Protein backbone atom coordinates (compact mmCIF):
# COMPACT_ATOMS: atom_id res chain seq x y z
CA UNK A 1 7.98 63.41 157.95
CA UNK A 2 9.19 66.95 157.52
CA UNK A 3 7.01 69.77 156.19
CA UNK A 4 8.70 72.97 154.98
CA UNK A 5 6.44 75.91 155.84
CA UNK A 6 6.15 79.19 153.92
CA UNK A 7 8.13 80.93 156.70
CA UNK A 8 11.01 78.49 156.01
CA UNK A 9 10.55 76.67 159.32
CA UNK A 10 10.54 72.90 158.99
CA UNK A 11 7.81 71.25 161.05
CA UNK A 12 8.46 67.59 161.88
CA UNK A 13 5.62 65.10 162.27
CA UNK A 14 5.92 61.51 163.45
CA UNK A 15 3.57 58.92 161.93
CA UNK A 16 1.47 57.08 164.51
CA UNK A 17 -0.93 55.09 162.38
CA UNK A 18 -1.67 54.24 158.74
CA UNK A 19 -5.06 52.69 157.94
CA UNK A 20 -7.03 51.71 154.86
CA UNK A 21 -10.77 52.16 155.32
CA UNK A 22 -13.80 51.54 153.10
CA UNK A 23 -15.28 54.78 151.75
CA UNK A 24 -18.58 54.10 153.54
CA UNK A 25 -16.69 53.69 156.86
CA UNK A 26 -14.50 56.80 156.64
CA UNK A 27 -13.58 57.93 160.20
CA UNK A 28 -14.56 61.59 159.74
CA UNK A 29 -14.42 62.51 163.44
CA UNK A 30 -10.96 60.96 163.91
CA UNK A 31 -9.69 62.67 160.74
CA UNK A 32 -11.36 66.09 160.94
CA UNK A 33 -12.17 66.39 164.66
CA UNK A 34 -10.33 68.60 167.14
CA UNK A 35 -6.98 67.54 168.60
CA UNK A 36 -5.24 68.73 171.77
CA UNK A 37 -2.03 69.54 169.86
CA UNK A 38 -0.83 70.02 166.26
CA UNK A 39 -1.46 66.90 164.19
CA UNK A 40 -1.37 66.02 160.52
CA UNK A 41 -3.66 63.82 158.42
CA UNK A 42 -2.82 62.63 154.92
CA UNK A 43 -5.65 61.09 152.90
CA UNK A 44 -5.37 59.32 149.55
CA UNK A 45 -7.14 56.65 147.54
CA UNK A 46 -6.77 53.02 148.59
CA UNK A 47 -8.23 49.56 148.48
CA UNK A 48 -9.28 47.75 145.32
CA UNK A 49 -9.67 49.66 142.05
CA UNK A 50 -12.76 49.17 139.90
CA UNK A 51 -12.90 50.75 136.45
CA UNK A 52 -15.59 53.42 136.28
CA UNK A 53 -15.97 53.55 140.07
CA UNK A 54 -12.41 54.17 141.20
CA UNK A 55 -10.99 52.98 144.50
CA UNK A 56 -13.28 51.49 147.12
CA UNK A 57 -11.41 52.94 150.08
CA UNK A 58 -9.09 55.57 151.46
CA UNK A 59 -5.66 55.39 153.08
CA UNK A 60 -5.36 57.71 156.09
CA UNK A 61 -2.05 58.59 157.78
CA UNK A 62 -2.22 59.99 161.33
CA UNK A 63 0.83 61.90 162.58
CA UNK A 64 1.64 64.13 165.55
CA UNK A 65 3.88 67.20 165.70
CA UNK A 66 7.30 66.31 167.08
CA UNK A 67 9.43 69.44 166.65
CA UNK A 68 10.65 72.15 164.33
CA UNK A 69 13.86 73.48 162.88
CA UNK A 70 15.05 76.69 161.32
CA UNK A 71 14.07 79.00 164.16
CA UNK A 72 10.67 80.41 164.92
CA UNK A 73 8.13 79.55 167.54
CA UNK A 74 7.24 75.98 168.27
CA UNK A 75 3.51 75.13 168.45
CA UNK A 76 2.42 74.35 171.99
CA UNK A 77 0.06 71.76 173.32
CA UNK A 78 -0.12 68.24 174.53
CA UNK A 79 0.02 65.42 172.01
CA UNK A 80 -2.64 62.76 171.94
CA UNK A 81 -1.35 59.34 173.10
CA UNK A 82 -0.57 56.91 170.31
CA UNK A 83 -3.57 54.93 169.12
CA UNK A 84 -6.17 57.34 170.48
CA UNK A 85 -7.53 58.28 167.05
CA UNK A 86 -10.61 56.19 167.68
CA UNK A 87 -9.78 53.71 164.90
CA UNK A 88 -7.46 50.76 164.64
CA UNK A 89 -4.92 49.84 161.98
CA UNK A 90 -5.79 47.32 159.35
């Protein structure tokens, strides 16, 4: 996926993993913890919907930085190997 930054540089991220997790099993460390290189997390509602309570889970997309376009400096760092987020797909 491409993200257009305010400085007009397009940062490209490659999706590694998409998971749906129960709200009471949200992988906070894998989502919010430090990474050795630029990474992106997208979080949205998921799972079954119950009126009055909302969704019972979250969908989390894990992606790593894979390049940029439009000039500018490229972020440095080593990317985490695929599947090392500490959670598995499901």
